[in-house]
């Protein structure tokens, strides 16, 4: 078979400043039985690209160099890229010049190999071995170290969030939007832990953020560590609640799917089809780490501090006082954690109670005013509490966010308030399990006489075809 030295490059077609662009669309299919390269491809002719207003559009092409023979692999649309502006050489000036072998520079010539915009991305579950760089050509050199095999083109678009461990970008991957979380090398442990959690058996679930790939970029202290996941336009629950109030059915949909995701994360499933799924404690559960899909169902994100509990294996770094201060359970604030699995799961349940309170605080179902969005305890101790502030309020005074009097006038909110109080109970052993909270949400809808029948059906249907966890009242 011989050794294949694989390279790939990108051509960009300049689109002036109009709103559309036409590009050749082509996919190479190596699994085809045909010996003809052209017949193996899916050449669907010229496609019309579209993008955001006042953004330019370009065309791209990737190819591989197999023992000196250049083969086109993929062609299509590429979003606005400053490195392609007003280029007339390797950024080709029309879709007709991106056809195989017709770029104005020979893809194998040394003159064409200039600095790349970005290094390649390594992706999961891909048999391709291609490198694609926006706009410029480069001999890629040795493969960078990475836990994932296979490569596809990725384009960073805009920063959507910044956090303790780095920033999150909106990006485009083969015509689909994805999220790219970038860690500095100093936070390698968090990147590694999140990657390890994502790759546990059974971690694919509709209410857990879906993992796509991982990548190490650069070298030494300049190295960046990337995690690529699905992208959800509505963003975090925190951001959504700041800008929106919730109907009763929307609150139930979010609460049910969020608690269902946490229940699945916490569950130990020996007989899972992908192998034994261990119980996982999140340890930084909060509304910022709950993302909303387009249909308002929730998925849980950010597993940088998560612990897995596998028989015969260490759960990892079990340092007790981690997470976000505002959401820390009393036993965490006191530094009095029992380092057993159930103790860590109960810490998550305390935080779930606070997030449920956030949902209630922005629900318009009750007969009363809806307050501006506030974080848990923001009313009591402001936006930047110290550890001592939280200890004083939560541990010593045993205070919790206020449950409004008007919520007691709505049948469903009454049960939600009871559920919240059982989640954030000072005694960890008395807290509900996530599976029990999930069932409570269904009961909430049945008891809320103001809810329309068709709204009840919407969410109840979601949970009637799943196996419920045992009906325990606490962990």
Protein backbone atom coordinates (compact mmCIF):
# COMPACT_ATOMS: atom_id res chain seq x y z
CA UNK A 1 0.00 0.00 0.00
CA UNK A 2 2.91 2.34 0.67
CA UNK A 3 3.14 5.39 2.92
CA UNK A 4 0.68 8.20 2.26
CA UNK A 5 1.91 11.73 2.95
CA UNK A 6 -1.33 13.70 3.27
CA UNK A 7 -1.69 17.43 2.86
CA UNK A 8 -4.59 19.67 2.08
CA UNK A 9 -5.11 23.35 1.40
CA UNK A 10 -7.85 25.92 0.97
CA UNK A 11 -8.65 28.28 -1.86
CA UNK A 12 -10.76 31.33 -1.18
CA UNK A 13 -12.83 33.08 -3.83
CA UNK A 14 -13.30 36.80 -3.30
CA UNK A 15 -16.87 38.00 -3.19
CA UNK A 16 -16.63 41.79 -3.11
CA UNK A 17 -19.43 42.95 -0.83
CA UNK A 18 -22.63 41.43 -2.19
CA UNK A 19 -24.92 39.19 -0.16
CA UNK A 20 -24.51 35.94 -2.10
CA UNK A 21 -21.75 33.87 -3.68
CA UNK A 22 -21.71 30.87 -5.99
CA UNK A 23 -19.26 28.06 -5.32
CA UNK A 24 -18.66 24.57 -6.63
CA UNK A 25 -19.97 21.92 -4.23
CA UNK A 26 -17.98 18.66 -4.26
CA UNK A 27 -17.49 15.67 -1.93
CA UNK A 28 -14.93 12.92 -2.49
CA UNK A 29 -16.26 9.45 -1.61
CA UNK A 30 -13.34 7.01 -1.20
CA UNK A 31 -15.67 4.13 -0.35
CA UNK A 32 -17.08 4.06 -3.86
CA UNK A 33 -16.24 0.96 -5.89
CA UNK A 34 -15.55 3.03 -9.00
CA UNK A 35 -11.93 3.50 -10.01
CA UNK A 36 -12.66 6.91 -11.48
CA UNK A 37 -11.96 9.79 -9.09
CA UNK A 38 -14.62 11.94 -10.74
CA UNK A 39 -17.30 9.26 -10.37
CA UNK A 40 -16.42 8.81 -6.70
CA UNK A 41 -17.28 12.42 -6.01
CA UNK A 42 -20.62 13.99 -5.40
CA UNK A 43 -20.26 16.95 -7.77
CA UNK A 44 -23.58 18.72 -7.46
CA UNK A 45 -22.58 21.70 -9.56
CA UNK A 46 -22.59 25.28 -8.37
CA UNK A 47 -24.31 26.18 -5.08
CA UNK A 48 -25.37 29.59 -3.82
CA UNK A 49 -23.82 30.57 -0.48
CA UNK A 50 -25.40 32.99 1.95
CA UNK A 51 -24.25 34.69 5.12
CA UNK A 52 -24.77 37.57 7.48
CA UNK A 53 -25.31 41.10 6.19
CA UNK A 54 -22.12 43.08 5.53
CA UNK A 55 -20.01 39.89 5.71
CA UNK A 56 -18.06 38.57 2.75
CA UNK A 57 -18.32 35.04 1.40
CA UNK A 58 -15.65 32.88 -0.20
CA UNK A 59 -15.22 29.44 -1.77
CA UNK A 60 -12.91 26.74 -0.45
CA UNK A 61 -11.35 23.56 -1.77
CA UNK A 62 -9.38 20.86 0.08
CA UNK A 63 -7.10 18.32 -1.48
CA UNK A 64 -4.65 15.63 -0.44
CA UNK A 65 -1.22 14.92 -1.84
CA UNK A 66 -0.84 11.16 -2.19
CA UNK A 67 2.67 10.31 -3.37
CA UNK A 68 2.76 13.46 -5.48
CA UNK A 69 -0.75 13.02 -6.92
CA UNK A 70 -3.09 15.85 -5.86
CA UNK A 71 -6.74 14.85 -5.39
CA UNK A 72 -9.56 17.25 -4.57
CA UNK A 73 -11.61 16.05 -1.59
CA UNK A 74 -14.16 18.75 -0.81
CA UNK A 75 -15.34 22.09 -2.18
CA UNK A 76 -17.97 24.47 -0.90
CA UNK A 77 -18.74 27.78 0.85
CA UNK A 78 -16.52 29.56 3.39
CA UNK A 79 -17.67 32.38 5.63
CA UNK A 80 -16.16 35.85 5.99
CA UNK A 81 -12.36 35.64 6.46
CA UNK A 82 -10.12 38.72 6.51
CA UNK A 83 -7.20 36.70 5.11
CA UNK A 84 -9.13 36.25 1.87
CA UNK A 85 -9.92 39.94 1.32
CA UNK A 86 -8.80 41.23 -2.08
CA UNK A 87 -6.65 38.18 -2.80
CA UNK A 88 -6.07 37.34 -6.43
CA UNK A 89 -3.55 34.53 -6.25
CA UNK A 90 -4.20 31.63 -3.89
CA UNK A 91 -7.55 33.07 -2.93
CA UNK A 92 -9.23 32.47 -6.26
CA UNK A 93 -11.48 35.14 -7.69
CA UNK A 94 -14.47 33.04 -8.86
CA UNK A 95 -16.04 29.64 -8.39
CA UNK A 96 -14.76 28.49 -11.79
CA UNK A 97 -11.15 28.81 -10.64
CA UNK A 98 -11.67 26.52 -7.65
CA UNK A 99 -12.13 23.45 -9.79
CA UNK A 100 -9.53 20.74 -9.50
CA UNK A 101 -6.07 21.79 -10.59
CA UNK A 102 -7.01 25.24 -11.87
CA UNK A 103 -5.80 27.51 -9.08
CA UNK A 104 -3.38 30.14 -10.32
CA UNK A 105 -0.64 28.67 -8.15
CA UNK A 106 0.49 25.07 -8.22
CA UNK A 107 -0.61 23.55 -4.87
CA UNK A 108 2.63 21.60 -4.66
CA UNK A 109 4.96 24.54 -5.38
CA UNK A 110 7.06 26.01 -2.58
CA UNK A 111 5.90 29.53 -3.51
CA UNK A 112 2.36 28.59 -2.54
CA UNK A 113 3.30 27.42 0.96
CA UNK A 114 2.93 30.51 3.11
CA UNK A 115 1.84 30.88 6.72
CA UNK A 116 -1.49 29.26 7.50
CA UNK A 117 -4.31 31.15 9.21
CA UNK A 118 -4.80 28.41 11.76
CA UNK A 119 -3.53 24.90 12.49
CA UNK A 120 -5.78 21.93 11.65
CA UNK A 121 -8.59 20.59 13.79
CA UNK A 122 -8.70 16.96 14.87
CA UNK A 123 -12.15 15.41 15.07
CA UNK A 124 -13.80 12.35 16.51
CA UNK A 125 -15.15 9.47 14.41
CA UNK A 126 -13.61 10.55 11.14
CA UNK A 127 -11.56 8.39 8.81
CA UNK A 128 -10.33 11.37 6.78
CA UNK A 129 -6.75 12.55 7.25
CA UNK A 130 -6.82 16.01 5.76
CA UNK A 131 -5.53 19.42 6.75
CA UNK A 132 -7.45 22.50 5.73
CA UNK A 133 -6.31 26.08 6.26
CA UNK A 134 -8.32 29.22 5.44
CA UNK A 135 -6.94 31.06 2.42
CA UNK A 136 -3.26 30.14 2.46
CA UNK A 137 -1.35 26.99 1.53
CA UNK A 138 1.12 25.25 3.80
CA UNK A 139 3.12 22.07 4.08
CA UNK A 140 1.65 20.97 7.42
CA UNK A 141 4.65 19.09 8.75
CA UNK A 142 4.30 16.49 11.51
CA UNK A 143 0.89 15.77 13.01
CA UNK A 144 0.31 17.67 16.28
CA UNK A 145 -0.32 15.58 19.40
CA UNK A 146 -4.03 15.00 19.87
CA UNK A 147 -6.37 12.51 21.55
CA UNK A 148 -8.60 12.46 18.44
CA UNK A 149 -7.89 11.11 14.97
CA UNK A 150 -9.17 12.51 11.68
CA UNK A 151 -9.35 16.14 10.58
CA UNK A 152 -11.88 18.52 9.05
CA UNK A 153 -11.99 22.27 8.35
CA UNK A 154 -13.02 24.58 11.19
CA UNK A 155 -13.50 28.36 11.15
CA UNK A 156 -13.73 30.44 14.33
CA UNK A 157 -16.36 33.19 14.01
CA UNK A 158 -16.94 35.08 17.27
CA UNK A 159 -16.44 34.81 21.01
CA UNK A 160 -19.72 34.01 22.76
CA UNK A 161 -18.63 33.65 26.39
CA UNK A 162 -15.66 34.00 28.72
CA UNK A 163 -15.23 31.98 31.88
CA UNK A 164 -12.82 30.82 34.54
CA UNK A 165 -11.05 28.40 32.20
CA UNK A 166 -10.99 30.40 28.97
CA UNK A 167 -13.41 31.45 26.25
CA UNK A 168 -16.08 29.83 24.09
CA UNK A 169 -16.23 30.57 20.35
CA UNK A 170 -18.99 30.12 17.84
CA UNK A 171 -17.40 28.36 14.87
CA UNK A 172 -18.33 26.71 11.59
CA UNK A 173 -17.45 23.12 10.76
CA UNK A 174 -18.40 21.80 7.33
CA UNK A 175 -21.47 24.00 7.05
CA UNK A 176 -22.62 23.47 10.66
CA UNK A 177 -22.21 25.78 13.63
CA UNK A 178 -20.25 24.33 16.56
CA UNK A 179 -18.91 25.67 19.87
CA UNK A 180 -15.16 25.72 20.54
CA UNK A 181 -14.02 26.06 24.13
CA UNK A 182 -10.40 27.19 24.30
CA UNK A 183 -8.29 26.63 27.42
CA UNK A 184 -4.81 28.08 28.07
CA UNK A 185 -2.13 25.52 28.87
CA UNK A 186 -2.31 26.51 32.56
CA UNK A 187 -5.78 24.94 32.68
CA UNK A 188 -4.74 21.67 31.07
CA UNK A 189 -6.15 19.64 33.96
CA UNK A 190 -9.64 21.07 33.46
CA UNK A 191 -9.45 20.44 29.69
CA UNK A 192 -8.22 16.88 30.26
CA UNK A 193 -10.87 16.17 32.86
CA UNK A 194 -13.69 17.46 30.68
CA UNK A 195 -12.37 15.47 27.72
CA UNK A 196 -12.19 12.31 29.86
CA UNK A 197 -15.75 12.81 31.14
CA UNK A 198 -17.10 13.35 27.61
CA UNK A 199 -15.47 10.09 26.54
CA UNK A 200 -16.90 7.92 29.31
CA UNK A 201 -19.23 5.14 28.23
CA UNK A 202 -22.83 6.26 27.86
CA UNK A 203 -22.25 10.03 27.88
CA UNK A 204 -24.36 10.62 24.78
CA UNK A 205 -27.72 11.86 26.00
CA UNK A 206 -30.11 14.50 24.68
CA UNK A 207 -29.87 16.50 27.91
CA UNK A 208 -26.06 16.47 28.09
CA UNK A 209 -24.00 18.69 25.80
CA UNK A 210 -22.81 16.64 22.80
CA UNK A 211 -19.05 16.29 22.37
CA UNK A 212 -17.57 16.47 18.86
CA UNK A 213 -13.80 16.64 19.14
CA UNK A 214 -10.66 17.87 20.89
CA UNK A 215 -7.41 19.48 19.81
CA UNK A 216 -4.04 20.64 21.11
CA UNK A 217 -2.70 23.74 19.35
CA UNK A 218 0.78 25.27 19.47
CA UNK A 219 3.62 24.15 21.71
CA UNK A 220 5.10 24.75 25.15
CA UNK A 221 3.57 27.69 27.05
CA UNK A 222 1.85 28.98 23.90
CA UNK A 223 -0.22 25.81 23.60
CA UNK A 224 -4.01 26.10 23.52
CA UNK A 225 -6.36 23.24 24.32
CA UNK A 226 -9.64 23.04 22.43
CA UNK A 227 -12.91 21.21 23.04
CA UNK A 228 -15.48 21.18 20.24
CA UNK A 229 -19.15 20.59 21.04
CA UNK A 230 -22.54 21.23 19.51
CA UNK A 231 -23.59 24.90 19.39
CA UNK A 232 -26.85 26.18 20.87
CA UNK A 233 -27.86 29.65 19.70
CA UNK A 234 -30.02 30.46 22.74
CA UNK A 235 -26.97 30.16 24.97
CA UNK A 236 -27.01 29.61 28.72
CA UNK A 237 -30.05 29.56 30.94
CA UNK A 238 -28.60 32.56 32.81
CA UNK A 239 -28.49 34.67 29.65
CA UNK A 240 -31.92 33.51 28.52
CA UNK A 241 -33.55 34.39 31.85
CA UNK A 242 -31.96 37.85 31.79
CA UNK A 243 -33.74 38.63 28.52
CA UNK A 244 -36.95 36.58 28.78
CA UNK A 245 -39.77 35.70 31.15
CA UNK A 246 -41.19 32.17 31.11
CA UNK A 247 -44.69 30.82 30.67
CA UNK A 248 -45.69 27.95 32.94
CA UNK A 249 -45.25 25.37 30.17
CA UNK A 250 -41.79 26.77 29.30
CA UNK A 251 -40.71 26.58 32.94
CA UNK A 252 -41.84 22.95 33.11
CA UNK A 253 -40.09 22.05 29.86
CA UNK A 254 -36.78 23.51 31.02
CA UNK A 255 -37.05 22.10 34.56
CA UNK A 256 -38.00 18.63 33.40
CA UNK A 257 -35.26 18.31 30.76
CA UNK A 258 -32.63 19.84 33.06
CA UNK A 259 -33.43 17.49 35.96
CA UNK A 260 -33.60 14.57 33.54
CA UNK A 261 -30.08 15.37 32.30
CA UNK A 262 -28.74 15.61 35.86
CA UNK A 263 -30.50 12.37 36.82
CA UNK A 264 -28.85 10.61 33.87
CA UNK A 265 -25.44 12.10 34.71
CA UNK A 266 -25.76 10.86 38.32
CA UNK A 267 -26.92 7.38 37.35
CA UNK A 268 -24.70 4.32 37.35
CA UNK A 269 -25.77 2.10 34.43
CA UNK A 270 -23.90 -1.23 34.29
CA UNK A 271 -25.94 -2.51 31.35
CA UNK A 272 -25.64 0.50 29.05
CA UNK A 273 -25.33 -0.44 25.37
CA UNK A 274 -22.02 1.45 25.12
CA UNK A 275 -20.59 -0.24 28.20
CA UNK A 276 -20.78 0.47 31.92
CA UNK A 277 -21.72 4.12 32.41
CA UNK A 278 -20.40 5.32 35.79
CA UNK A 279 -22.13 7.82 38.07
CA UNK A 280 -20.80 11.34 37.56
CA UNK A 281 -21.05 14.33 39.92
CA UNK A 282 -20.95 17.69 38.13
CA UNK A 283 -19.61 19.83 41.04
CA UNK A 284 -20.23 23.16 39.28
CA UNK A 285 -23.93 22.97 38.50
CA UNK A 286 -25.46 26.42 37.89
CA UNK A 287 -27.66 28.19 35.36
CA UNK A 288 -24.58 29.35 33.42
CA UNK A 289 -23.74 25.69 32.79
CA UNK A 290 -27.20 24.79 31.52
CA UNK A 291 -27.63 25.47 27.79
CA UNK A 292 -30.94 25.82 25.99
CA UNK A 293 -31.64 24.18 22.64
CA UNK A 294 -33.83 25.80 19.99
CA UNK A 295 -36.92 24.00 21.37
CA UNK A 296 -36.15 25.24 24.94
CA UNK A 297 -35.10 21.83 26.24
CA UNK A 298 -31.99 21.96 28.39
CA UNK A 299 -28.62 20.27 28.17
CA UNK A 300 -25.94 20.29 30.86
CA UNK A 301 -22.47 21.57 29.99
CA UNK A 302 -19.01 22.20 31.48
CA UNK A 303 -17.58 19.05 33.04
CA UNK A 304 -14.19 20.51 33.96
CA UNK A 305 -14.69 19.80 37.67
CA UNK A 306 -16.79 16.65 37.33
CA UNK A 307 -15.99 13.44 39.22
CA UNK A 308 -16.68 9.94 37.95
CA UNK A 309 -17.24 7.02 40.29
CA UNK A 310 -16.00 3.70 38.88
CA UNK A 311 -15.44 0.58 40.95
CA UNK A 312 -11.78 0.09 41.73
CA UNK A 313 -10.76 3.49 40.31
CA UNK A 314 -10.05 6.81 41.96
CA UNK A 315 -12.79 9.38 41.24
CA UNK A 316 -10.07 11.97 40.55
CA UNK A 317 -9.31 15.19 42.41
CA UNK A 318 -11.79 15.15 45.29
CA UNK A 319 -10.69 18.47 46.77
CA UNK A 320 -13.90 19.52 48.47
CA UNK A 321 -14.17 23.30 48.13
CA UNK A 322 -14.59 23.67 44.37
CA UNK A 323 -17.29 25.16 42.20
CA UNK A 324 -18.93 28.59 42.14
CA UNK A 325 -19.27 30.14 45.61
CA UNK A 326 -22.84 31.33 45.07
CA UNK A 327 -24.00 27.77 44.37
CA UNK A 328 -21.93 25.99 47.05
CA UNK A 329 -23.86 23.75 49.43
CA UNK A 330 -23.51 24.37 53.19
CA UNK A 331 -21.26 21.34 53.67
CA UNK A 332 -18.94 22.59 50.91
CA UNK A 333 -18.75 26.07 52.46
CA UNK A 334 -17.99 24.47 55.84
CA UNK A 335 -15.36 22.14 54.36
CA UNK A 336 -17.19 19.22 55.94
CA UNK A 337 -17.79 16.90 52.97
CA UNK A 338 -18.16 13.16 53.30
CA UNK A 339 -16.03 12.02 50.35
CA UNK A 340 -18.48 9.38 49.15
CA UNK A 341 -20.37 9.25 45.87
CA UNK A 342 -23.79 10.16 47.26
CA UNK A 343 -22.35 13.14 49.14
CA UNK A 344 -21.11 14.66 45.88
CA UNK A 345 -24.42 14.00 44.12
CA UNK A 346 -26.28 15.77 46.95
CA UNK A 347 -24.07 18.83 46.45
CA UNK A 348 -25.34 18.99 42.86
CA UNK A 349 -28.91 18.73 44.14
CA UNK A 350 -28.49 21.78 46.38
CA UNK A 351 -27.39 23.76 43.30
CA UNK A 352 -30.32 22.39 41.29
CA UNK A 353 -32.65 23.85 43.91
CA UNK A 354 -31.12 27.29 43.33
CA UNK A 355 -31.50 26.98 39.55
CA UNK A 356 -35.14 25.96 39.96
CA UNK A 357 -35.60 29.10 42.05
CA UNK A 358 -34.13 31.13 39.17
CA UNK A 359 -36.77 29.63 36.86
CA UNK A 360 -39.57 30.44 39.29
CA UNK A 361 -38.35 34.02 39.72
CA UNK A 362 -38.81 34.67 35.99
CA UNK A 363 -42.14 32.86 35.51
CA UNK A 364 -45.21 34.92 34.64
CA UNK A 365 -47.72 32.21 35.66
CA UNK A 366 -48.28 33.59 39.18
CA UNK A 367 -50.69 36.43 39.82
CA UNK A 368 -48.05 39.02 40.61
CA UNK A 369 -45.15 41.04 39.20
CA UNK A 370 -42.16 39.28 37.65
CA UNK A 371 -38.93 40.62 39.12
CA UNK A 372 -35.88 41.52 37.07
CA UNK A 373 -33.51 38.56 36.82
CA UNK A 374 -31.21 38.14 39.80
CA UNK A 375 -28.73 35.42 40.66
CA UNK A 376 -29.37 33.33 43.77
CA UNK A 377 -28.44 35.36 46.90
CA UNK A 378 -27.82 38.49 44.81
CA UNK A 379 -30.57 40.24 46.74
CA UNK A 380 -28.94 39.25 50.03
CA UNK A 381 -25.20 39.72 49.33
CA UNK A 382 -24.78 41.29 45.91
CA UNK A 383 -23.00 40.17 42.75
CA UNK A 384 -19.52 39.35 44.07
CA UNK A 385 -19.80 37.53 47.39
CA UNK A 386 -16.71 36.37 49.22
CA UNK A 387 -16.42 32.88 50.68
CA UNK A 388 -16.96 34.44 54.11
CA UNK A 389 -20.15 36.17 52.88
CA UNK A 390 -21.55 32.87 51.65
CA UNK A 391 -20.60 31.06 54.87
CA UNK A 392 -22.34 33.71 56.96
CA UNK A 393 -25.57 33.67 54.93
CA UNK A 394 -25.88 29.97 54.01
CA UNK A 395 -24.20 28.15 56.89
CA UNK A 396 -24.65 30.34 59.96
CA UNK A 397 -27.90 32.16 59.19
CA UNK A 398 -29.23 29.27 57.06
CA UNK A 399 -30.84 31.70 54.63
CA UNK A 400 -32.05 30.81 51.15
CA UNK A 401 -33.38 32.97 48.28
CA UNK A 402 -36.90 34.30 48.91
CA UNK A 403 -39.89 32.27 47.75
CA UNK A 404 -42.40 34.97 46.78
CA UNK A 405 -45.80 34.98 48.43
CA UNK A 406 -47.60 35.28 45.09
CA UNK A 407 -46.11 31.93 44.01
CA UNK A 408 -48.34 30.24 46.62
CA UNK A 409 -51.41 31.25 44.58
CA UNK A 410 -50.47 28.97 41.66
CA UNK A 411 -50.98 25.22 42.15
CA UNK A 412 -47.94 24.22 40.13
CA UNK A 413 -45.64 26.81 41.71
CA UNK A 414 -46.70 25.60 45.17
CA UNK A 415 -45.32 22.15 44.38
CA UNK A 416 -42.25 23.69 42.74
CA UNK A 417 -41.54 25.67 45.93
CA UNK A 418 -41.80 22.48 47.99
CA UNK A 419 -39.42 20.76 45.59
CA UNK A 420 -36.95 23.65 45.75
CA UNK A 421 -36.93 23.57 49.56
CA UNK A 422 -36.30 19.81 49.55
CA UNK A 423 -33.40 20.28 47.13
CA UNK A 424 -31.60 22.99 49.12
CA UNK A 425 -32.26 21.44 52.54
CA UNK A 426 -29.46 22.16 55.02
CA UNK A 427 -29.20 18.44 55.76
CA UNK A 428 -27.68 16.81 52.69
CA UNK A 429 -29.27 13.42 53.37
CA UNK A 430 -32.75 14.99 53.21
CA UNK A 431 -32.35 16.34 49.67
CA UNK A 432 -34.29 14.92 46.73
CA UNK A 433 -32.60 12.99 43.93
CA UNK A 434 -32.61 14.41 40.40
CA UNK A 435 -34.86 11.57 39.25
CA UNK A 436 -37.39 12.49 41.92
CA UNK A 437 -37.31 16.14 40.83
CA UNK A 438 -38.00 15.02 37.28
CA UNK A 439 -41.13 13.18 38.44
CA UNK A 440 -42.20 16.16 40.55
CA UNK A 441 -42.22 18.36 37.44
CA UNK A 442 -44.77 16.04 35.82
CA UNK A 443 -46.91 16.28 38.97
CA UNK A 444 -46.58 20.08 38.89
CA UNK A 445 -48.18 20.23 35.48
CA UNK A 446 -51.05 17.97 36.50
CA UNK A 447 -51.81 20.11 39.55
CA UNK A 448 -51.67 23.45 37.75
CA UNK A 449 -55.28 23.98 36.74
CA UNK A 450 -54.35 27.11 34.77
CA UNK A 451 -52.27 25.03 32.35
CA UNK A 452 -53.92 24.17 29.06
CA UNK A 453 -54.38 20.41 28.39
CA UNK A 454 -52.32 20.50 25.21
CA UNK A 455 -49.41 22.05 27.14
CA UNK A 456 -49.55 19.24 29.67
CA UNK A 457 -49.32 16.62 26.95
CA UNK A 458 -46.22 18.23 25.45
CA UNK A 459 -43.93 17.57 28.39
CA UNK A 460 -45.55 14.47 29.84
CA UNK A 461 -45.00 12.72 26.52
CA UNK A 462 -41.28 13.38 26.86
CA UNK A 463 -41.00 11.22 29.96
CA UNK A 464 -43.50 8.43 29.43
CA UNK A 465 -41.15 6.36 27.28
CA UNK A 466 -38.13 6.40 29.58
CA UNK A 467 -37.20 4.20 32.51
CA UNK A 468 -37.65 6.10 35.75
CA UNK A 469 -35.00 5.85 38.44
CA UNK A 470 -36.19 4.36 41.73
CA UNK A 471 -38.78 6.54 43.47
CA UNK A 472 -36.53 7.45 46.36
CA UNK A 473 -37.18 10.70 48.19
CA UNK A 474 -33.51 11.36 48.78
CA UNK A 475 -30.09 10.07 47.86
